[in-house]
C-alpha atoms as a PDB file:
ATOM      1  CA  UNK A   1     101.014 111.596  98.864  1.00  0.00           C
ATOM      2  CA  UNK A   2      99.914 108.057  97.926  1.00  0.00           C
ATOM      3  CA  UNK A   3     101.565 106.661  94.828  1.00  0.00           C
ATOM      4  CA  UNK A   4     104.333 109.253  94.819  1.00  0.00           C
ATOM      5  CA  UNK A   5     105.802 109.726  91.312  1.00  0.00           C
ATOM      6  CA  UNK A   6     109.287 110.071  92.859  1.00  0.00           C
ATOM      7  CA  UNK A   7     109.155 106.380  93.798  1.00  0.00           C
ATOM      8  CA  UNK A   8     107.222 105.206  90.710  1.00  0.00           C
ATOM      9  CA  UNK A   9     109.182 102.699  88.648  1.00  0.00           C
ATOM     10  CA  UNK A  10     107.328 103.703  85.459  1.00  0.00           C
ATOM     11  CA  UNK A  11     108.195 107.374  86.017  1.00  0.00           C
ATOM     12  CA  UNK A  12     111.791 106.215  86.430  1.00  0.00           C
ATOM     13  CA  UNK A  13     111.615 104.378  83.118  1.00  0.00           C
ATOM     14  CA  UNK A  14     110.033 107.322  81.294  1.00  0.00           C
ATOM     15  CA  UNK A  15     112.701 109.684  82.671  1.00  0.00           C
ATOM     16  CA  UNK A  16     115.551 107.296  81.886  1.00  0.00           C
ATOM     17  CA  UNK A  17     116.506 106.781  85.549  1.00  0.00           C
ATOM     18  CA  UNK A  18     115.445 103.114  85.396  1.00  0.00           C
ATOM     19  CA  UNK A  19     116.478 100.631  82.707  1.00  0.00           C
ATOM     20  CA  UNK A  20     113.914  99.453  80.180  1.00  0.00           C
ATOM     21  CA  UNK A  21     113.716  97.926  76.733  1.00  0.00           C
ATOM     22  CA  UNK A  22     111.867 100.783  75.066  1.00  0.00           C
ATOM     23  CA  UNK A  23     110.002 100.056  71.836  1.00  0.00           C
ATOM     24  CA  UNK A  24     108.244 103.415  71.350  1.00  0.00           C
ATOM     25  CA  UNK A  25     108.480 106.894  72.833  1.00  0.00           C
ATOM     26  CA  UNK A  26     106.723 110.122  71.869  1.00  0.00           C
ATOM     27  CA  UNK A  27     105.635 113.331  73.597  1.00  0.00           C
ATOM     28  CA  UNK A  28     102.685 111.649  75.352  1.00  0.00           C
ATOM     29  CA  UNK A  29     103.451 107.961  75.935  1.00  0.00           C
ATOM     30  CA  UNK A  30     106.206 105.412  76.257  1.00  0.00           C
ATOM     31  CA  UNK A  31     106.031 101.685  75.437  1.00  0.00           C
ATOM     32  CA  UNK A  32     108.487  99.134  76.773  1.00  0.00           C
ATOM     33  CA  UNK A  33     108.861  95.420  77.405  1.00  0.00           C
ATOM     34  CA  UNK A  34     107.216  94.045  80.552  1.00  0.00           C
ATOM     35  CA  UNK A  35     109.877  92.507  82.835  1.00  0.00           C
ATOM     36  CA  UNK A  36     107.411  89.805  83.930  1.00  0.00           C
ATOM     37  CA  UNK A  37     105.816  88.889  80.594  1.00  0.00           C
ATOM     38  CA  UNK A  38     102.755  86.721  80.148  1.00  0.00           C
ATOM     39  CA  UNK A  39     104.320  85.694  76.823  1.00  0.00           C
ATOM     40  CA  UNK A  40     107.338  86.892  74.839  1.00  0.00           C
ATOM     41  CA  UNK A  41     106.466  90.238  73.258  1.00  0.00           C
ATOM     42  CA  UNK A  42     104.465  91.508  76.277  1.00  0.00           C
ATOM     43  CA  UNK A  43     104.593  95.320  76.278  1.00  0.00           C
ATOM     44  CA  UNK A  44     103.358  98.135  78.495  1.00  0.00           C
ATOM     45  CA  UNK A  45     102.143 101.495  77.195  1.00  0.00           C
ATOM     46  CA  UNK A  46     102.260 104.246  79.836  1.00  0.00           C
ATOM     47  CA  UNK A  47     101.558 107.972  79.912  1.00  0.00           C
ATOM     48  CA  UNK A  48     104.758 109.994  80.196  1.00  0.00           C
ATOM     49  CA  UNK A  49     103.248 111.994  83.048  1.00  0.00           C
ATOM     50  CA  UNK A  50     102.435 110.225  86.309  1.00  0.00           C
ATOM     51  CA  UNK A  51      98.758 109.330  86.343  1.00  0.00           C
ATOM     52  CA  UNK A  52      97.576 106.707  88.812  1.00  0.00           C
ATOM     53  CA  UNK A  53      94.225 105.660  87.368  1.00  0.00           C
ATOM     54  CA  UNK A  54      92.687 105.684  83.901  1.00  0.00           C
ATOM     55  CA  UNK A  55      90.295 108.487  84.909  1.00  0.00           C
ATOM     56  CA  UNK A  56      93.376 110.621  85.691  1.00  0.00           C
ATOM     57  CA  UNK A  57      94.730 110.265  82.142  1.00  0.00           C
ATOM     58  CA  UNK A  58      93.987 113.185  79.829  1.00  0.00           C
ATOM     59  CA  UNK A  59      91.732 112.098  76.926  1.00  0.00           C
ATOM     60  CA  UNK A  60      94.358 112.836  74.259  1.00  0.00           C
ATOM     61  CA  UNK A  61      96.931 110.791  76.176  1.00  0.00           C
ATOM     62  CA  UNK A  62      94.494 107.893  76.599  1.00  0.00           C
ATOM     63  CA  UNK A  63      93.776 108.027  72.877  1.00  0.00           C
ATOM     64  CA  UNK A  64      97.503 107.981  72.118  1.00  0.00           C
ATOM     65  CA  UNK A  65      97.964 104.992  74.448  1.00  0.00           C
ATOM     66  CA  UNK A  66      95.430 103.084  72.366  1.00  0.00           C
ATOM     67  CA  UNK A  67      96.843 104.243  69.007  1.00  0.00           C
ATOM     68  CA  UNK A  68     100.309 103.081  70.066  1.00  0.00           C
ATOM     69  CA  UNK A  69      98.877  99.817  71.421  1.00  0.00           C
ATOM     70  CA  UNK A  70      97.203  99.163  68.039  1.00  0.00           C
ATOM     71  CA  UNK A  71     100.504  99.734  66.238  1.00  0.00           C
ATOM     72  CA  UNK A  72     102.327  97.476  68.708  1.00  0.00           C
ATOM     73  CA  UNK A  73      99.723  94.731  68.253  1.00  0.00           C
ATOM     74  CA  UNK A  74     100.292  94.882  64.502  1.00  0.00           C
ATOM     75  CA  UNK A  75     104.062  94.787  65.044  1.00  0.00           C
ATOM     76  CA  UNK A  76     103.754  91.738  67.315  1.00  0.00           C
ATOM     77  CA  UNK A  77     101.741  89.920  64.644  1.00  0.00           C
ATOM     78  CA  UNK A  78     104.351  90.593  61.916  1.00  0.00           C
ATOM     79  CA  UNK A  79     107.506  90.284  64.046  1.00  0.00           C
ATOM     80  CA  UNK A  80     107.867  86.517  64.045  1.00  0.00           C
ATOM     81  CA  UNK A  81     106.968  86.323  67.753  1.00  0.00           C
ATOM     82  CA  UNK A  82     104.502  83.501  68.376  1.00  0.00           C
ATOM     83  CA  UNK A  83     101.094  85.163  68.170  1.00  0.00           C
ATOM     84  CA  UNK A  84      97.640  83.805  67.396  1.00  0.00           C
ATOM     85  CA  UNK A  85      95.870  86.751  69.021  1.00  0.00           C
ATOM     86  CA  UNK A  86      96.556  89.869  71.086  1.00  0.00           C
ATOM     87  CA  UNK A  87      95.149  91.003  74.426  1.00  0.00           C
ATOM     88  CA  UNK A  88      94.930  94.539  75.718  1.00  0.00           C
ATOM     89  CA  UNK A  89      94.572  94.664  79.497  1.00  0.00           C
ATOM     90  CA  UNK A  90      94.355  97.641  81.819  1.00  0.00           C
ATOM     91  CA  UNK A  91      93.982  97.032  85.554  1.00  0.00           C
ATOM     92  CA  UNK A  92      92.478 100.143  87.173  1.00  0.00           C
ATOM     93  CA  UNK A  93      92.668  99.899  90.958  1.00  0.00           C
ATOM     94  CA  UNK A  94      93.659  97.248  93.466  1.00  0.00           C
ATOM     95  CA  UNK A  95      90.460  95.215  93.064  1.00  0.00           C
ATOM     96  CA  UNK A  96      91.126  95.068  89.305  1.00  0.00           C
ATOM     97  CA  UNK A  97      94.671  93.778  89.855  1.00  0.00           C
ATOM     98  CA  UNK A  98      96.638  97.016  89.469  1.00  0.00           C
ATOM     99  CA  UNK A  99     100.057  96.520  91.043  1.00  0.00           C
ATOM    100  CA  UNK A 100     102.002  99.552  89.770  1.00  0.00           C
ATOM    101  CA  UNK A 101     100.113 102.759  90.453  1.00  0.00           C
ATOM    102  CA  UNK A 102     100.910 104.522  87.200  1.00  0.00           C
ATOM    103  CA  UNK A 103      98.259 103.887  84.551  1.00  0.00           C
ATOM    104  CA  UNK A 104      99.447 101.331  82.018  1.00  0.00           C
ATOM    105  CA  UNK A 105      98.019  99.319  79.161  1.00  0.00           C
ATOM    106  CA  UNK A 106      99.322  95.789  78.664  1.00  0.00           C
ATOM    107  CA  UNK A 107      99.673  94.572  75.073  1.00  0.00           C
ATOM    108  CA  UNK A 108     100.605  90.923  74.756  1.00  0.00           C
ATOM    109  CA  UNK A 109     100.521  88.129  72.232  1.00  0.00           C
ATOM    110  CA  UNK A 110      98.363  85.103  72.874  1.00  0.00           C
ATOM    111  CA  UNK A 111      98.400  81.578  71.547  1.00  0.00           C
ATOM    112  CA  UNK A 112      96.413  78.455  72.210  1.00  0.00           C
ATOM    113  CA  UNK A 113      97.514  76.776  75.423  1.00  0.00           C
ATOM    114  CA  UNK A 114      99.621  79.690  76.726  1.00  0.00           C
ATOM    115  CA  UNK A 115      98.029  79.350  80.171  1.00  0.00           C
ATOM    116  CA  UNK A 116      96.793  82.923  80.550  1.00  0.00           C
ATOM    117  CA  UNK A 117      93.128  83.585  81.182  1.00  0.00           C
ATOM    118  CA  UNK A 118      90.501  85.439  83.101  1.00  0.00           C
ATOM    119  CA  UNK A 119      88.060  83.542  85.288  1.00  0.00           C
ATOM    120  CA  UNK A 120      84.359  84.321  85.176  1.00  0.00           C
ATOM    121  CA  UNK A 121      82.379  84.496  88.427  1.00  0.00           C
ATOM    122  CA  UNK A 122      80.079  81.543  89.206  1.00  0.00           C
ATOM    123  CA  UNK A 123      76.926  83.415  88.141  1.00  0.00           C
ATOM    124  CA  UNK A 124      78.403  84.660  84.835  1.00  0.00           C
ATOM    125  CA  UNK A 125      76.063  82.598  82.669  1.00  0.00           C
ATOM    126  CA  UNK A 126      72.935  83.873  84.461  1.00  0.00           C
ATOM    127  CA  UNK A 127      71.876  86.808  82.326  1.00  0.00           C
ATOM    128  CA  UNK A 128      70.448  89.788  84.241  1.00  0.00           C
ATOM    129  CA  UNK A 129      66.971  91.053  83.484  1.00  0.00           C
ATOM    130  CA  UNK A 130      66.710  93.928  80.989  1.00  0.00           C
ATOM    131  CA  UNK A 131      65.259  96.097  83.786  1.00  0.00           C
ATOM    132  CA  UNK A 132      68.444  95.513  85.802  1.00  0.00           C
ATOM    133  CA  UNK A 133      70.638  96.468  82.839  1.00  0.00           C
ATOM    134  CA  UNK A 134      68.471  99.522  82.162  1.00  0.00           C
ATOM    135  CA  UNK A 135      68.799 100.607  85.819  1.00  0.00           C
ATOM    136  CA  UNK A 136      72.589 100.346  85.733  1.00  0.00           C
ATOM    137  CA  UNK A 137      72.687 102.190  82.384  1.00  0.00           C
ATOM    138  CA  UNK A 138      70.539 104.971  83.892  1.00  0.00           C
ATOM    139  CA  UNK A 139      72.945 105.308  86.843  1.00  0.00           C
ATOM    140  CA  UNK A 140      75.933 105.490  84.512  1.00  0.00           C
ATOM    141  CA  UNK A 141      74.296 108.075  82.247  1.00  0.00           C
ATOM    142  CA  UNK A 142      73.634 110.192  85.333  1.00  0.00           C
ATOM    143  CA  UNK A 143      77.266 109.898  86.414  1.00  0.00           C
ATOM    144  CA  UNK A 144      78.474 110.931  82.949  1.00  0.00           C
ATOM    145  CA  UNK A 145      76.370 114.099  83.040  1.00  0.00           C
ATOM    146  CA  UNK A 146      77.447 114.849  86.613  1.00  0.00           C
ATOM    147  CA  UNK A 147      81.141 114.555  85.726  1.00  0.00           C
ATOM    148  CA  UNK A 148      80.719 116.523  82.475  1.00  0.00           C
ATOM    149  CA  UNK A 149      82.061 113.575  80.487  1.00  0.00           C
ATOM    150  CA  UNK A 150      78.995 113.118  78.267  1.00  0.00           C
END
C-alpha cells in the first residue's frame, strides 16, 4: 500500500509513538509544532486518522482542521511570537509540494522580510479570457455533480 500509515510519521505523532510538541488535540485533529519551521510558531494541523490527500479527509474533519487553524492563528497573533500576518498552506500531492503523505495544514506566522514566498509563473499577469474561465468553471461544475459533492 502506498503511503502506509504504519510508517507515517504523523500517525506516529498522533498515536504518541513519535515525539512532538503538541499544542492541540481533540477527537478529530491534532496540532503540533513543525520541526522544520518557516518561522517560529509554525504549526501543523493533521487529521487523527491517516488520510493521504485533502479529498480523503471527511468533511467534518476538514472543517475541524480549519476551525483549529483559525484558533491557532489567533493564538500566534497574541502569543508574543513575531507575527505581522499568518499563512495557511496545504500541499496536496507531489506537484503541489506535499512531502509527508498524511494530509496536513500548515499555520505559520509571517513578517516583512522573513524570506518565505510563493513564485508566480511567468504568464501570471496575463489574464485569461472570460470564455476560458467559463469553460474551466463548467468542467468543475460537471465534476462536482459527478462526484456527488455539489
